[in-house]
Amino acid sequence: MEQCDQFSTPQTRRSWLQTAGCGFGAIAFHALSHQIAAASESLQNAQKLHHEPKAKRVIFLFMHGGVSQVDSFDPKPMLKKYDGKDLPFKGLDTLDIALKEDLKKNARNGRVLDTTWKFRQHGESGAWISDLWPHLTKHADDLCFIKSMHTRGTSHGQAVAMIHTGNDNLLRPSLGSWVSYGLGTENENLPGFISITPPAGHGGARNYGSAFLPAHHQATTLGHSGSKTEDATIRFLENQNLDLAEQRQQLEMLQQVNRKHFAQNNHPQIDGVIRSYEMAFRMQNLAPELIDISKESKTTRDLYGLDQKATADFAHRCLLARRFCEAGVRYLQVSTPYVWDQHGGLVKGHTRNALSVDQPISGLLTDLKQRGLMDDTLVVWGTEFGRTPVAQGKDGRDHNPAGFTVWLTGAGVKPGYSHGSTDDFGYYAQENKVHMHDLHATILHLLGIDHEQLTYRYAGRDFRLTDVYGEVVSDILA
């Protein structure tokens, strides 16, 4: 083939592409080869599952700030009996040293604060749910509660990092990134991990980042937790200046350089960049349609509460989660703003916050079930820690990582079931304690992954989501 002298007569981009390499044939081949590679990776990941999965995907609903378990799902009659009195605290020997000292200080100085909301039993399971969550009660027989959660970190930064990455102080891949790494994506035109309005604070990008995993396992984000969901989009998703054919030509020139660099260095992060660029290009055909909810029916809008001021924003987030879930995204992270941290004004704050998410979450569960998606989708509702049973100020509660509640529903978990318990005051996990590492191990297990075998070698050692800890909570498995 005749070589081109780059210093001869000037060339247009079009003429250069026609003569360089194999021209458009090379471009088409490289594009196709990446699609084949992506499909092959997903198939290989599916074949490498450690056991038969119950769930294909996860929707994680994160309530940022710390929801009070004793005002929501963990009724404690002793709060009424001791309301306004000093806490007769016992059982500190069951806690680790850091939490022990923190809780000792709070227990000595605190007075018991009874809940404002009435608890009632719902469904055939008799699940206890407070009046704070009227819409969620419709799903009482579908929910699987873990009421004995505990974690590390009395500060938001530590605890938020724990629930998202499994580590409270070091930079580690997020849970969604591990899922993407382990399973790949179900849809070659969409990423394996999407975070809808992720937390901007308390770790920010680390809560959806891939850390040392290849870059393409980081979440693709829509907005941030403080932004309006109607304005949230995937940044730089569309190029208004070039059509798709021209964009593909431009991308291929860049990817040739990247592939040459990768061949010389064989660094996984370079491979991650190559894959990320390819995914960004392919997403243009599908993602804008999924983000646009304007064609949703009035029935669906009413179900989620999209046209009500109090619920509209989180309803939009939940609906986007369903749409991306249905399209084949493996892991969807949906976050509230940082609003649940009621050190004061508990009644006003929790009432407002629950009102904004209760109907949207209920609508999401109903929608998933109606569409047959609940059979292979795991929904996890969680918060970084709970609140103390003693008062802070007049009507607030402090952080409590020693005992709180999460719930799960959908593929692979027992419906209408409650696991574990806290002490008589809801202060610390007591029976069948579940650590955050255990929750992560269980989520991976439901996806067909053994948390001890999902590893990545970095800096001379094998890392995993659960570090050297974690046990699957087998009692909650269906």
Protein backbone atom coordinates (compact mmCIF):
# COMPACT_ATOMS: atom_id res chain seq x y z
CA MET A 1 0.00 0.00 0.00
CA GLU A 2 1.24 3.45 -0.88
CA GLN A 3 2.41 5.46 2.12
CA CYS A 4 1.09 8.98 2.61
CA ASP A 5 3.55 11.83 3.08
CA GLN A 6 2.11 13.92 5.90
CA PHE A 7 4.09 16.97 4.69
CA SER A 8 2.78 16.92 1.10
CA THR A 9 -0.41 18.57 -0.11
CA PRO A 10 -2.98 19.39 2.58
CA GLN A 11 -5.69 16.76 3.19
CA THR A 12 -9.20 16.98 4.54
CA ARG A 13 -10.29 14.70 7.39
CA ARG A 14 -12.49 12.80 4.93
CA SER A 15 -9.68 12.16 2.42
CA TRP A 16 -7.30 11.15 5.23
CA LEU A 17 -9.78 8.61 6.58
CA GLN A 18 -10.29 7.21 3.09
CA THR A 19 -6.57 6.58 2.61
CA ALA A 20 -5.27 5.83 6.11
CA GLY A 21 -5.11 2.15 7.06
CA CYS A 22 -8.17 0.45 5.60
CA GLY A 23 -10.36 3.55 5.72
CA PHE A 24 -13.95 3.05 6.75
CA GLY A 25 -13.52 -0.71 6.67
CA ALA A 26 -11.05 -0.50 9.54
CA ILE A 27 -13.35 1.81 11.46
CA ALA A 28 -16.30 -0.52 11.05
CA PHE A 29 -14.18 -3.54 11.99
CA HIS A 30 -12.85 -1.93 15.17
CA ALA A 31 -16.35 -0.84 16.21
CA LEU A 32 -17.69 -4.34 15.62
CA SER A 33 -14.76 -5.97 17.39
CA HIS A 34 -15.40 -3.93 20.53
CA GLN A 35 -19.08 -4.91 20.52
CA ILE A 36 -18.10 -8.57 20.13
CA ALA A 37 -15.56 -8.21 22.95
CA ALA A 38 -18.15 -6.63 25.23
CA ALA A 39 -20.68 -9.37 24.51
CA SER A 40 -17.99 -12.02 25.01
CA GLU A 41 -17.00 -10.50 28.37
CA SER A 42 -20.62 -10.58 29.58
CA LEU A 43 -20.94 -14.22 28.49
CA GLN A 44 -17.68 -15.16 30.21
CA ASN A 45 -18.79 -13.40 33.39
CA ALA A 46 -22.10 -15.28 33.35
CA GLN A 47 -20.24 -18.56 32.88
CA LYS A 48 -17.94 -17.76 35.81
CA LEU A 49 -20.74 -17.32 38.34
CA HIS A 50 -19.96 -19.26 41.47
CA HIS A 51 -23.50 -20.59 41.87
CA GLU A 52 -26.98 -20.19 40.41
CA PRO A 53 -28.06 -16.54 40.87
CA LYS A 54 -31.42 -15.52 42.28
CA ALA A 55 -31.12 -11.92 41.08
CA LYS A 56 -29.84 -10.44 37.83
CA ARG A 57 -29.73 -6.85 39.02
CA VAL A 58 -29.94 -4.61 42.10
CA ILE A 59 -31.70 -1.34 42.85
CA PHE A 60 -30.19 0.26 45.95
CA LEU A 61 -32.29 3.00 47.57
CA PHE A 62 -30.01 5.08 49.79
CA MET A 63 -31.54 7.33 52.45
CA HIS A 64 -28.70 9.76 53.11
CA GLY A 65 -28.35 11.06 56.66
CA GLY A 66 -29.50 8.28 58.98
CA VAL A 67 -33.14 7.16 59.26
CA SER A 68 -34.34 6.46 62.79
CA GLN A 69 -35.10 2.77 63.18
CA VAL A 70 -37.09 3.27 66.41
CA ASP A 71 -39.41 5.66 64.57
CA SER A 72 -39.77 3.51 61.45
CA PHE A 73 -39.49 -0.28 61.62
CA ASP A 74 -38.23 -1.25 65.08
CA PRO A 75 -40.88 -0.54 67.76
CA LYS A 76 -39.66 -0.37 71.36
CA PRO A 77 -42.34 -0.17 74.10
CA MET A 78 -39.62 0.59 76.66
CA LEU A 79 -39.20 4.03 75.10
CA LYS A 80 -42.64 5.02 76.33
CA LYS A 81 -42.00 3.58 79.78
CA TYR A 82 -38.70 5.46 80.20
CA ASP A 83 -39.58 8.56 78.20
CA GLY A 84 -37.73 11.56 79.73
CA LYS A 85 -35.74 9.34 82.11
CA ASP A 86 -32.10 8.30 82.04
CA LEU A 87 -31.33 5.26 79.91
CA PRO A 88 -30.65 2.14 82.05
CA PHE A 89 -28.01 1.02 79.56
CA LYS A 90 -26.60 -2.49 79.64
CA GLY A 91 -24.69 -4.84 77.38
CA LEU A 92 -21.81 -2.61 76.26
CA ASP A 93 -19.40 -5.53 76.35
CA THR A 94 -20.89 -6.81 73.09
CA LEU A 95 -19.62 -3.76 71.18
CA ASP A 96 -16.21 -2.94 69.77
CA ILE A 97 -14.06 -0.49 71.73
CA ALA A 98 -14.65 2.61 69.58
CA LEU A 99 -18.44 2.26 69.65
CA LYS A 100 -18.40 1.31 73.31
CA GLU A 101 -16.77 4.55 74.36
CA ASP A 102 -18.99 6.66 72.13
CA LEU A 103 -22.19 5.03 73.32
CA LYS A 104 -21.14 5.13 76.95
CA LYS A 105 -20.82 8.90 76.68
CA ASN A 106 -24.22 9.26 75.01
CA ALA A 107 -25.92 6.83 77.37
CA ARG A 108 -24.72 8.60 80.49
CA ASN A 109 -25.81 12.02 79.30
CA GLY A 110 -28.97 11.09 77.43
CA ARG A 111 -32.63 10.85 78.33
CA VAL A 112 -34.91 8.42 76.60
CA LEU A 113 -37.06 9.90 73.83
CA ASP A 114 -40.27 8.08 72.91
CA THR A 115 -41.41 7.93 69.29
CA THR A 116 -44.13 10.25 68.02
CA TRP A 117 -45.48 7.76 65.49
CA LYS A 118 -47.72 4.83 66.22
CA PHE A 119 -46.58 1.37 65.14
CA ARG A 120 -49.05 -1.09 63.64
CA GLN A 121 -48.79 -4.61 62.29
CA HIS A 122 -49.47 -5.04 58.58
CA GLY A 123 -50.21 -7.87 56.18
CA GLU A 124 -50.37 -11.57 56.95
CA SER A 125 -46.77 -11.40 58.16
CA GLY A 126 -47.69 -8.89 60.86
CA ALA A 127 -44.73 -6.68 59.98
CA TRP A 128 -44.32 -3.70 62.32
CA ILE A 129 -44.24 -0.43 60.39
CA SER A 130 -44.88 3.03 61.83
CA ASP A 131 -47.41 5.52 60.51
CA LEU A 132 -44.43 7.39 59.05
CA TRP A 133 -44.62 4.96 56.07
CA PRO A 134 -48.32 4.58 55.06
CA HIS A 135 -47.66 3.60 51.43
CA LEU A 136 -44.92 1.10 52.21
CA THR A 137 -47.33 -0.84 54.43
CA LYS A 138 -49.02 -2.13 51.26
CA HIS A 139 -45.89 -4.19 50.64
CA ALA A 140 -45.47 -5.53 54.18
CA ASP A 141 -45.69 -9.15 53.03
CA ASP A 142 -42.99 -8.59 50.40
CA LEU A 143 -40.38 -6.99 52.65
CA CYS A 144 -37.51 -8.75 54.38
CA PHE A 145 -36.28 -6.69 57.34
CA ILE A 146 -32.83 -6.91 58.91
CA LYS A 147 -33.23 -5.22 62.29
CA SER A 148 -29.80 -6.04 63.68
CA MET A 149 -27.54 -4.06 61.38
CA HIS A 150 -24.34 -2.50 62.70
CA THR A 151 -21.44 -0.78 60.99
CA ARG A 152 -18.22 1.15 61.55
CA GLY A 153 -18.04 4.89 61.85
CA THR A 154 -19.95 7.34 64.01
CA SER A 155 -19.49 10.10 61.41
CA HIS A 156 -21.39 10.37 58.13
CA GLY A 157 -18.22 10.22 56.04
CA GLN A 158 -17.15 6.93 57.55
CA ALA A 159 -20.57 5.28 57.56
CA VAL A 160 -21.52 6.42 54.04
CA ALA A 161 -18.23 5.00 52.77
CA MET A 162 -18.94 1.74 54.59
CA ILE A 163 -22.34 1.18 53.05
CA HIS A 164 -21.11 2.06 49.55
CA THR A 165 -17.58 0.61 49.52
CA GLY A 166 -17.19 -1.62 52.58
CA ASN A 167 -14.36 0.50 53.97
CA ASP A 168 -14.58 3.54 56.22
CA ASN A 169 -11.22 5.20 55.61
CA LEU A 170 -9.43 3.93 52.48
CA LEU A 171 -10.26 4.42 48.81
CA ARG A 172 -11.96 1.24 47.65
CA PRO A 173 -14.24 0.27 44.73
CA SER A 174 -17.94 0.79 45.34
CA LEU A 175 -20.40 -2.09 45.57
CA GLY A 176 -21.86 -1.24 42.17
CA SER A 177 -18.39 -1.30 40.61
CA TRP A 178 -17.73 -4.75 42.06
CA VAL A 179 -21.04 -5.95 40.62
CA SER A 180 -20.14 -4.50 37.21
CA TYR A 181 -16.69 -6.11 37.41
CA GLY A 182 -18.16 -9.46 38.38
CA LEU A 183 -21.12 -9.59 36.00
CA GLY A 184 -20.58 -7.08 33.21
CA THR A 185 -23.63 -5.52 31.59
CA GLU A 186 -26.78 -7.14 30.21
CA ASN A 187 -27.03 -4.50 27.48
CA GLU A 188 -23.99 -3.61 25.37
CA ASN A 189 -25.41 -0.11 24.79
CA LEU A 190 -25.69 0.70 28.51
CA PRO A 191 -23.19 0.60 31.38
CA GLY A 192 -23.42 -2.03 34.09
CA PHE A 193 -23.68 0.57 36.87
CA ILE A 194 -25.70 3.79 36.96
CA SER A 195 -25.99 6.15 39.93
CA ILE A 196 -29.01 8.45 39.91
CA THR A 197 -28.33 11.68 41.83
CA PRO A 198 -25.47 10.28 43.96
CA PRO A 199 -24.31 12.00 47.17
CA ALA A 200 -22.10 14.98 46.44
CA GLY A 201 -20.69 15.02 49.99
CA HIS A 202 -19.44 12.45 52.49
CA GLY A 203 -17.10 10.83 50.00
CA GLY A 204 -18.65 12.11 46.80
CA ALA A 205 -17.30 10.21 43.80
CA ARG A 206 -15.78 7.45 45.93
CA ASN A 207 -19.32 6.25 46.70
CA TYR A 208 -19.83 5.28 43.07
CA GLY A 209 -16.21 5.07 41.91
CA SER A 210 -14.21 2.11 40.68
CA ALA A 211 -10.98 3.00 42.58
CA PHE A 212 -8.36 0.50 41.34
CA LEU A 213 -10.82 -1.53 39.24
CA PRO A 214 -10.76 -0.71 35.50
CA ALA A 215 -12.32 2.67 34.80
CA HIS A 216 -15.33 1.38 32.86
CA HIS A 217 -16.73 -0.17 36.06
CA GLN A 218 -17.28 3.26 37.63
CA ALA A 219 -20.90 4.41 37.68
CA THR A 220 -22.33 6.54 34.95
CA THR A 221 -24.05 9.34 36.89
CA LEU A 222 -27.20 11.37 36.37
CA GLY A 223 -26.96 14.65 38.27
CA HIS A 224 -26.19 14.66 41.99
CA SER A 225 -28.28 14.39 45.14
CA GLY A 226 -28.80 18.14 45.44
CA SER A 227 -29.95 18.63 41.85
CA LYS A 228 -33.47 18.44 40.49
CA THR A 229 -33.99 15.11 38.80
CA GLU A 230 -35.82 16.71 35.87
CA ASP A 231 -32.56 18.50 35.05
CA ALA A 232 -30.35 15.46 35.64
CA THR A 233 -28.78 13.89 32.59
CA ILE A 234 -25.65 12.07 31.56
CA ARG A 235 -23.08 14.77 30.83
CA PHE A 236 -21.83 15.12 27.27
CA LEU A 237 -24.13 12.34 26.12
CA GLU A 238 -24.95 13.94 22.79
CA ASN A 239 -22.83 15.95 20.36
CA GLN A 240 -24.93 18.53 18.54
CA ASN A 241 -22.08 19.51 16.21
CA LEU A 242 -21.29 16.14 14.60
CA ASP A 243 -23.49 13.36 13.30
CA LEU A 244 -22.92 9.77 14.45
CA ALA A 245 -20.81 8.83 11.44
CA GLU A 246 -18.44 11.74 11.99
CA GLN A 247 -18.31 11.02 15.73
CA ARG A 248 -17.37 7.41 15.01
CA GLN A 249 -14.55 8.58 12.74
CA GLN A 250 -13.31 10.99 15.37
CA LEU A 251 -13.52 8.34 18.09
CA GLU A 252 -11.67 5.77 16.05
CA MET A 253 -8.72 8.11 15.53
CA LEU A 254 -8.54 8.60 19.30
CA GLN A 255 -8.96 4.90 20.02
CA GLN A 256 -6.12 3.98 17.66
CA VAL A 257 -3.81 6.05 19.84
CA ASN A 258 -5.27 4.52 22.99
CA ARG A 259 -4.90 0.96 21.69
CA LYS A 260 -1.30 1.61 20.71
CA HIS A 261 -0.63 2.98 24.18
CA PHE A 262 -2.35 -0.04 25.74
CA ALA A 263 -0.27 -2.44 23.63
CA GLN A 264 2.89 -0.79 24.94
CA ASN A 265 1.85 -0.60 28.60
CA ASN A 266 -0.87 -3.25 29.03
CA HIS A 267 -2.35 -1.18 31.86
CA PRO A 268 -5.95 -2.05 32.83
CA GLN A 269 -6.85 1.61 33.32
CA ILE A 270 -6.05 2.32 29.67
CA ASP A 271 -8.26 -0.56 28.66
CA GLY A 272 -10.93 0.93 30.92
CA VAL A 273 -10.69 4.26 29.12
CA ILE A 274 -11.00 2.56 25.71
CA ARG A 275 -14.10 0.70 26.85
CA SER A 276 -15.58 3.82 28.44
CA TYR A 277 -15.23 5.80 25.21
CA GLU A 278 -16.89 3.01 23.25
CA MET A 279 -19.75 2.81 25.76
CA ALA A 280 -20.23 6.58 25.69
CA PHE A 281 -20.62 6.44 21.91
CA ARG A 282 -23.08 3.54 21.95
CA MET A 283 -25.20 5.05 24.75
CA GLN A 284 -26.32 7.87 22.45
CA ASN A 285 -28.75 5.52 20.72
CA LEU A 286 -30.59 4.42 23.87
CA ALA A 287 -29.90 6.51 26.98
CA PRO A 288 -31.68 9.73 25.88
CA GLU A 289 -34.86 7.75 25.27
CA LEU A 290 -34.65 6.16 28.71
CA ILE A 291 -34.05 9.49 30.45
CA ASP A 292 -37.08 11.03 28.74
CA ILE A 293 -40.16 10.08 30.82
CA SER A 294 -42.58 12.35 28.95
CA LYS A 295 -44.38 9.43 27.31
CA GLU A 296 -45.16 7.63 30.57
CA SER A 297 -48.88 7.12 31.13
CA LYS A 298 -50.97 9.05 33.65
CA THR A 299 -51.50 5.78 35.51
CA THR A 300 -47.77 5.40 35.98
CA ARG A 301 -47.31 9.05 36.95
CA ASP A 302 -50.05 8.74 39.57
CA LEU A 303 -48.57 5.49 40.88
CA TYR A 304 -45.20 7.10 41.61
CA GLY A 305 -46.56 10.52 42.64
CA LEU A 306 -44.85 12.33 39.79
CA ASP A 307 -47.36 15.17 39.68
CA GLN A 308 -47.38 15.92 43.40
CA LYS A 309 -44.99 18.58 44.64
CA ALA A 310 -43.86 16.66 47.73
CA THR A 311 -43.07 13.43 45.89
CA ALA A 312 -42.26 14.53 42.33
CA ASP A 313 -38.46 14.60 42.58
CA PHE A 314 -37.85 11.23 44.21
CA ALA A 315 -40.65 9.73 42.12
CA HIS A 316 -38.71 10.79 39.03
CA ARG A 317 -35.59 9.06 40.39
CA CYS A 318 -37.45 5.83 41.12
CA LEU A 319 -39.08 5.81 37.69
CA LEU A 320 -35.71 6.29 36.00
CA ALA A 321 -34.41 3.35 38.06
CA ARG A 322 -37.21 1.14 36.77
CA ARG A 323 -36.62 2.21 33.16
CA PHE A 324 -32.87 1.55 33.30
CA CYS A 325 -33.45 -1.67 35.23
CA GLU A 326 -35.83 -2.87 32.53
CA ALA A 327 -33.28 -1.96 29.85
CA GLY A 328 -30.58 -4.19 31.39
CA VAL A 329 -28.47 -2.14 33.83
CA ARG A 330 -27.02 -4.43 36.52
CA TYR A 331 -26.76 -2.06 39.47
CA LEU A 332 -28.80 1.10 40.05
CA GLN A 333 -28.05 3.42 42.94
CA VAL A 334 -30.79 5.91 43.84
CA SER A 335 -30.06 8.46 46.57
CA THR A 336 -31.99 11.05 48.51
CA PRO A 337 -30.35 14.37 49.32
CA TYR A 338 -28.56 14.58 52.67
CA VAL A 339 -31.79 15.29 54.60
CA TRP A 340 -32.27 12.54 57.20
CA ASP A 341 -29.80 13.87 59.81
CA GLN A 342 -32.24 15.09 62.46
CA HIS A 343 -30.15 16.08 65.49
CA GLY A 344 -33.08 18.41 66.17
CA GLY A 345 -36.54 18.79 64.71
CA LEU A 346 -36.96 15.03 64.34
CA VAL A 347 -40.72 15.06 63.90
CA LYS A 348 -40.76 17.80 61.29
CA GLY A 349 -37.73 16.50 59.42
CA HIS A 350 -38.60 12.80 59.32
CA THR A 351 -42.22 13.59 58.42
CA ARG A 352 -41.13 15.73 55.46
CA ASN A 353 -38.52 13.23 54.30
CA ALA A 354 -40.70 10.15 54.54
CA LEU A 355 -43.50 11.92 52.70
CA SER A 356 -41.15 12.64 49.81
CA VAL A 357 -40.02 9.01 49.33
CA ASP A 358 -42.78 6.75 50.70
CA GLN A 359 -45.16 6.79 47.71
CA PRO A 360 -42.38 6.76 45.08
CA ILE A 361 -40.79 3.69 46.67
CA SER A 362 -44.17 1.98 46.95
CA GLY A 363 -44.86 2.86 43.31
CA LEU A 364 -41.51 1.42 42.24
CA LEU A 365 -42.19 -1.89 43.99
CA THR A 366 -45.66 -2.11 42.49
CA ASP A 367 -44.37 -1.27 39.01
CA LEU A 368 -41.57 -3.84 39.19
CA LYS A 369 -44.03 -6.51 40.28
CA GLN A 370 -46.56 -5.65 37.56
CA ARG A 371 -43.87 -5.90 34.89
CA GLY A 372 -42.51 -9.22 36.16
CA LEU A 373 -39.19 -7.62 37.05
CA MET A 374 -39.34 -8.37 40.76
CA ASP A 375 -38.67 -12.05 40.08
CA ASP A 376 -35.05 -11.33 39.16
CA THR A 377 -34.47 -7.88 40.69
CA LEU A 378 -33.25 -7.29 44.24
CA VAL A 379 -34.29 -4.00 45.86
CA VAL A 380 -32.29 -2.87 48.89
CA TRP A 381 -33.36 0.05 51.11
CA GLY A 382 -30.65 1.34 53.41
CA THR A 383 -29.19 4.22 55.38
CA GLU A 384 -25.66 4.73 56.67
CA PHE A 385 -26.65 4.24 60.31
CA GLY A 386 -29.66 4.62 62.62
CA ARG A 387 -30.45 7.06 65.43
CA THR A 388 -30.15 6.82 69.19
CA PRO A 389 -33.13 6.09 71.46
CA VAL A 390 -31.99 8.97 73.67
CA ALA A 391 -32.70 12.60 72.88
CA GLN A 392 -30.28 15.11 71.50
CA GLY A 393 -31.45 18.57 72.44
CA LYS A 394 -35.19 18.95 72.71
CA ASP A 395 -36.41 16.59 69.99
CA GLY A 396 -33.50 15.16 68.02
CA ARG A 397 -31.53 11.93 67.90
CA ASP A 398 -27.80 11.39 67.43
CA HIS A 399 -26.00 8.98 65.09
CA ASN A 400 -26.20 5.30 65.99
CA PRO A 401 -24.04 2.83 64.01
CA ALA A 402 -24.48 0.12 66.66
CA GLY A 403 -28.03 -0.90 65.74
CA PHE A 404 -30.35 -0.02 62.85
CA THR A 405 -32.62 -1.47 60.16
CA VAL A 406 -32.41 -2.12 56.42
CA TRP A 407 -34.89 -4.01 54.27
CA LEU A 408 -34.69 -6.00 51.07
CA THR A 409 -37.33 -7.30 48.68
CA GLY A 410 -37.49 -9.19 45.42
CA ALA A 411 -35.34 -11.95 44.01
CA GLY A 412 -34.01 -14.48 46.48
CA VAL A 413 -35.06 -13.09 49.88
CA LYS A 414 -37.80 -14.29 52.21
CA PRO A 415 -40.91 -12.13 51.89
CA GLY A 416 -42.68 -10.99 55.04
CA TYR A 417 -39.71 -11.90 57.22
CA SER A 418 -37.87 -10.10 60.02
CA HIS A 419 -34.31 -11.05 60.94
CA GLY A 420 -32.43 -10.15 64.11
CA SER A 421 -33.20 -7.60 66.78
CA THR A 422 -31.80 -4.74 68.81
CA ASP A 423 -31.93 -4.43 72.61
CA ASP A 424 -35.09 -3.29 74.43
CA PHE A 425 -34.34 0.35 73.61
CA GLY A 426 -33.18 -0.10 70.01
CA TYR A 427 -29.66 1.07 70.82
CA TYR A 428 -27.46 -1.78 69.64
CA ALA A 429 -27.76 -4.96 67.58
CA GLN A 430 -28.25 -7.88 69.92
CA GLU A 431 -29.69 -11.02 68.30
CA ASN A 432 -28.37 -12.39 64.97
CA LYS A 433 -26.18 -9.34 64.40
CA VAL A 434 -25.50 -8.39 60.77
CA HIS A 435 -22.48 -6.26 59.90
CA MET A 436 -22.27 -4.18 56.73
CA HIS A 437 -19.77 -6.72 55.36
CA ASP A 438 -22.40 -9.42 55.87
CA LEU A 439 -25.00 -7.41 53.96
CA HIS A 440 -22.57 -6.93 51.06
CA ALA A 441 -21.69 -10.64 51.06
CA THR A 442 -25.39 -11.48 50.91
CA ILE A 443 -26.11 -9.11 48.02
CA LEU A 444 -23.26 -10.65 46.00
CA HIS A 445 -24.46 -14.14 46.91
CA LEU A 446 -27.93 -13.40 45.52
CA LEU A 447 -26.25 -12.32 42.27
CA GLY A 448 -24.47 -15.67 42.02
CA ILE A 449 -21.14 -14.39 43.34
CA ASP A 450 -19.07 -15.80 46.22
CA HIS A 451 -17.76 -12.69 47.97
CA GLU A 452 -14.56 -14.50 48.95
CA GLN A 453 -13.77 -15.39 45.35
CA LEU A 454 -14.57 -12.07 43.68
CA THR A 455 -11.09 -10.54 43.93
CA TYR A 456 -8.86 -8.10 42.08
CA ARG A 457 -5.08 -8.02 42.37
CA TYR A 458 -3.72 -4.56 43.10
CA ALA A 459 -0.48 -3.37 44.73
CA GLY A 460 0.68 -6.92 45.26
CA ARG A 461 -2.37 -8.36 47.01
CA ASP A 462 -5.86 -9.59 46.22
CA PHE A 463 -8.64 -7.23 47.27
CA ARG A 464 -12.34 -7.94 47.66
CA LEU A 465 -15.42 -5.93 48.62
CA THR A 466 -15.68 -7.51 52.07
CA ASP A 467 -11.92 -7.36 52.79
CA VAL A 468 -11.28 -10.37 55.08
CA TYR A 469 -14.74 -10.31 56.68
CA GLY A 470 -18.36 -11.02 55.88
CA GLU A 471 -20.73 -13.96 56.05
CA VAL A 472 -23.83 -14.54 53.94
CA VAL A 473 -26.99 -14.03 56.02
CA SER A 474 -28.44 -17.39 55.01
CA ASP A 475 -31.53 -17.01 57.22
CA ILE A 476 -33.01 -14.34 54.94
CA LEU A 477 -32.58 -16.36 51.74
CA ALA A 478 -35.74 -17.76 50.17
